N, C-alpha and C. Protein backbone atom coordinates (compact mmCIF):
# COMPACT_ATOMS: atom_id res chain seq x y z
N MET A 1 -29.16 -20.56 -53.42
CA MET A 1 -29.14 -20.19 -52.01
C MET A 1 -30.05 -18.98 -51.80
N PRO A 2 -30.89 -18.99 -50.77
CA PRO A 2 -31.81 -17.86 -50.57
C PRO A 2 -31.09 -16.61 -50.08
N LYS A 3 -31.77 -15.48 -50.22
CA LYS A 3 -31.21 -14.21 -49.75
C LYS A 3 -31.16 -14.20 -48.23
N LEU A 4 -30.19 -13.50 -47.68
CA LEU A 4 -30.08 -13.35 -46.23
C LEU A 4 -30.95 -12.17 -45.80
N LYS A 5 -31.70 -12.36 -44.72
CA LYS A 5 -32.60 -11.31 -44.25
C LYS A 5 -31.93 -10.48 -43.16
N SER A 6 -32.14 -9.17 -43.22
CA SER A 6 -31.65 -8.28 -42.17
C SER A 6 -32.51 -8.43 -40.93
N HIS A 7 -31.94 -8.12 -39.78
CA HIS A 7 -32.65 -8.20 -38.51
C HIS A 7 -33.64 -7.05 -38.43
N LYS A 8 -34.94 -7.34 -38.50
CA LYS A 8 -35.96 -6.31 -38.60
C LYS A 8 -36.06 -5.47 -37.32
N GLY A 9 -35.86 -6.09 -36.16
CA GLY A 9 -35.91 -5.33 -34.92
C GLY A 9 -34.81 -4.31 -34.84
N LEU A 10 -33.64 -4.66 -35.35
CA LEU A 10 -32.52 -3.72 -35.36
C LEU A 10 -32.77 -2.58 -36.34
N LEU A 11 -33.31 -2.90 -37.50
CA LEU A 11 -33.56 -1.88 -38.52
C LEU A 11 -34.54 -0.82 -38.04
N LYS A 12 -35.45 -1.18 -37.12
CA LYS A 12 -36.41 -0.22 -36.60
C LYS A 12 -35.77 0.74 -35.60
N ARG A 13 -34.60 0.41 -35.07
CA ARG A 13 -33.97 1.20 -34.02
C ARG A 13 -32.76 2.00 -34.47
N ILE A 14 -32.29 1.79 -35.70
CA ILE A 14 -31.09 2.48 -36.18
C ILE A 14 -31.38 3.16 -37.51
N LYS A 15 -30.43 4.02 -37.90
CA LYS A 15 -30.44 4.61 -39.23
C LYS A 15 -29.03 4.47 -39.78
N ILE A 16 -28.90 3.98 -40.99
CA ILE A 16 -27.60 3.81 -41.62
C ILE A 16 -27.37 4.98 -42.56
N SER A 17 -26.25 5.69 -42.35
CA SER A 17 -25.95 6.85 -43.17
C SER A 17 -25.51 6.41 -44.56
N GLY A 18 -25.32 7.37 -45.43
CA GLY A 18 -24.90 7.07 -46.79
C GLY A 18 -23.55 6.41 -46.87
N LYS A 19 -22.66 6.75 -45.94
CA LYS A 19 -21.32 6.15 -45.94
C LYS A 19 -21.28 4.83 -45.20
N GLY A 20 -22.36 4.47 -44.50
CA GLY A 20 -22.39 3.19 -43.81
C GLY A 20 -22.19 3.27 -42.31
N LYS A 21 -22.30 4.46 -41.74
CA LYS A 21 -22.22 4.58 -40.28
C LYS A 21 -23.59 4.30 -39.69
N VAL A 22 -23.61 3.79 -38.46
CA VAL A 22 -24.85 3.41 -37.80
C VAL A 22 -25.18 4.45 -36.73
N LYS A 23 -26.33 5.12 -36.87
CA LYS A 23 -26.77 6.11 -35.89
C LYS A 23 -27.95 5.54 -35.13
N PHE A 24 -28.04 5.88 -33.85
CA PHE A 24 -29.11 5.35 -33.01
C PHE A 24 -29.44 6.34 -31.92
N ARG A 25 -30.59 6.15 -31.28
CA ARG A 25 -31.03 7.00 -30.18
C ARG A 25 -30.35 6.52 -28.90
N LYS A 26 -29.83 7.45 -28.12
CA LYS A 26 -29.14 7.09 -26.89
C LYS A 26 -30.12 6.64 -25.82
N SER A 27 -29.64 5.76 -24.95
CA SER A 27 -30.48 5.24 -23.87
C SER A 27 -30.49 6.21 -22.69
N ARG A 28 -31.27 5.90 -21.67
CA ARG A 28 -31.40 6.66 -20.42
C ARG A 28 -32.05 8.03 -20.62
N ASN A 29 -32.85 8.19 -21.66
CA ASN A 29 -33.44 9.49 -21.94
C ASN A 29 -34.96 9.46 -21.89
N GLY A 30 -35.57 8.37 -21.44
CA GLY A 30 -37.01 8.27 -21.48
C GLY A 30 -37.71 9.09 -20.41
N HIS A 31 -37.24 9.00 -19.18
CA HIS A 31 -37.89 9.69 -18.07
C HIS A 31 -36.89 9.79 -16.92
N LEU A 32 -37.33 10.33 -15.77
CA LEU A 32 -36.47 10.51 -14.59
C LEU A 32 -35.25 11.38 -14.90
N ARG A 33 -35.49 12.53 -15.49
CA ARG A 33 -34.37 13.41 -15.85
C ARG A 33 -34.00 14.39 -14.74
N SER A 34 -34.79 14.49 -13.69
CA SER A 34 -34.53 15.51 -12.67
C SER A 34 -33.24 15.24 -11.90
N ASN A 35 -32.81 13.99 -11.81
CA ASN A 35 -31.58 13.68 -11.09
C ASN A 35 -30.37 13.64 -12.00
N LYS A 36 -30.54 13.98 -13.29
CA LYS A 36 -29.41 14.00 -14.23
C LYS A 36 -28.95 15.45 -14.43
N THR A 37 -27.68 15.60 -14.73
CA THR A 37 -27.15 16.94 -14.95
C THR A 37 -27.61 17.46 -16.31
N GLY A 38 -27.53 18.77 -16.48
CA GLY A 38 -27.91 19.37 -17.75
C GLY A 38 -27.04 18.89 -18.89
N ASP A 39 -25.74 18.67 -18.61
CA ASP A 39 -24.84 18.16 -19.65
C ASP A 39 -25.28 16.78 -20.12
N GLN A 40 -25.71 15.94 -19.18
CA GLN A 40 -26.17 14.60 -19.55
C GLN A 40 -27.41 14.69 -20.43
N VAL A 41 -28.38 15.48 -20.01
CA VAL A 41 -29.63 15.58 -20.74
C VAL A 41 -29.39 16.12 -22.15
N ARG A 42 -28.53 17.12 -22.28
CA ARG A 42 -28.23 17.67 -23.60
C ARG A 42 -27.52 16.65 -24.48
N SER A 43 -26.66 15.83 -23.90
CA SER A 43 -25.93 14.84 -24.70
C SER A 43 -26.86 13.75 -25.21
N TYR A 44 -27.96 13.48 -24.48
CA TYR A 44 -28.90 12.46 -24.92
C TYR A 44 -29.67 12.89 -26.17
N ARG A 45 -29.73 14.19 -26.43
CA ARG A 45 -30.46 14.66 -27.61
C ARG A 45 -29.77 14.29 -28.90
N LYS A 46 -28.45 14.19 -28.85
CA LYS A 46 -27.69 13.86 -30.05
C LYS A 46 -27.80 12.38 -30.36
N LYS A 47 -27.68 12.04 -31.62
CA LYS A 47 -27.69 10.65 -32.03
C LYS A 47 -26.35 10.02 -31.65
N GLY A 48 -26.39 8.77 -31.22
CA GLY A 48 -25.18 8.02 -30.97
C GLY A 48 -24.70 7.39 -32.27
N VAL A 49 -23.40 7.15 -32.39
CA VAL A 49 -22.83 6.50 -33.56
C VAL A 49 -22.10 5.26 -33.08
N ALA A 50 -22.33 4.13 -33.75
CA ALA A 50 -21.76 2.86 -33.32
C ALA A 50 -20.24 2.87 -33.42
N LYS A 51 -19.59 2.40 -32.38
CA LYS A 51 -18.13 2.34 -32.32
C LYS A 51 -17.62 1.04 -32.94
N ARG A 52 -16.31 0.93 -33.03
CA ARG A 52 -15.67 -0.20 -33.69
C ARG A 52 -16.05 -1.55 -33.04
N GLY A 53 -16.19 -1.57 -31.72
CA GLY A 53 -16.49 -2.83 -31.05
C GLY A 53 -17.87 -3.38 -31.36
N ASP A 54 -18.80 -2.52 -31.76
CA ASP A 54 -20.15 -2.98 -32.07
C ASP A 54 -20.34 -3.30 -33.54
N ILE A 55 -19.47 -2.81 -34.39
CA ILE A 55 -19.68 -2.91 -35.83
C ILE A 55 -19.70 -4.37 -36.30
N THR A 56 -18.84 -5.22 -35.77
CA THR A 56 -18.78 -6.61 -36.21
C THR A 56 -20.12 -7.30 -35.96
N ARG A 57 -20.68 -7.09 -34.77
CA ARG A 57 -21.97 -7.70 -34.44
C ARG A 57 -23.08 -7.16 -35.32
N LEU A 58 -23.07 -5.85 -35.57
CA LEU A 58 -24.10 -5.24 -36.40
C LEU A 58 -24.01 -5.70 -37.85
N GLU A 59 -22.79 -5.88 -38.35
CA GLU A 59 -22.61 -6.37 -39.72
C GLU A 59 -23.19 -7.76 -39.89
N LYS A 60 -23.03 -8.61 -38.88
CA LYS A 60 -23.58 -9.96 -38.94
C LYS A 60 -25.10 -9.95 -38.92
N MET A 61 -25.67 -9.00 -38.19
CA MET A 61 -27.13 -8.93 -38.10
C MET A 61 -27.75 -8.33 -39.36
N LEU A 62 -27.02 -7.44 -40.03
CA LEU A 62 -27.56 -6.75 -41.19
C LEU A 62 -27.06 -7.30 -42.52
N HIS A 63 -26.01 -8.14 -42.48
CA HIS A 63 -25.44 -8.76 -43.69
C HIS A 63 -24.98 -7.71 -44.69
N ARG A 64 -24.26 -6.69 -44.18
CA ARG A 64 -23.70 -5.66 -45.05
C ARG A 64 -22.53 -5.00 -44.35
N PRO A 65 -21.57 -4.45 -45.10
CA PRO A 65 -20.42 -3.79 -44.47
C PRO A 65 -20.82 -2.44 -43.90
N LEU A 66 -20.21 -2.08 -42.76
CA LEU A 66 -20.50 -0.82 -42.07
C LEU A 66 -19.20 -0.16 -41.68
N LEU A 67 -19.26 1.14 -41.39
CA LEU A 67 -18.10 1.89 -40.94
C LEU A 67 -18.25 2.26 -39.47
N PRO A 68 -17.17 2.17 -38.69
CA PRO A 68 -17.25 2.63 -37.29
C PRO A 68 -17.15 4.13 -37.21
N ALA A 69 -17.51 4.68 -36.05
CA ALA A 69 -17.35 6.11 -35.79
C ALA A 69 -15.86 6.43 -35.70
N GLU A 70 -15.48 7.62 -36.09
CA GLU A 70 -14.07 8.00 -36.05
C GLU A 70 -13.63 8.43 -34.68
């Protein structure tokens, strides 16, 4: 049986930590920041971590076990 390939488009957009958590860049941060609050803009700087509801889908796309955010 051949090896299973990871989803290359997903791998370009995420980083998997050593423990298996999935980190990604938050959306809504590209432009048009003047109508957003300072708290919103500052929160976009931090990396997002995948929650439990997304982990099942991500595991199927990457063919490896992952951990949800706590």
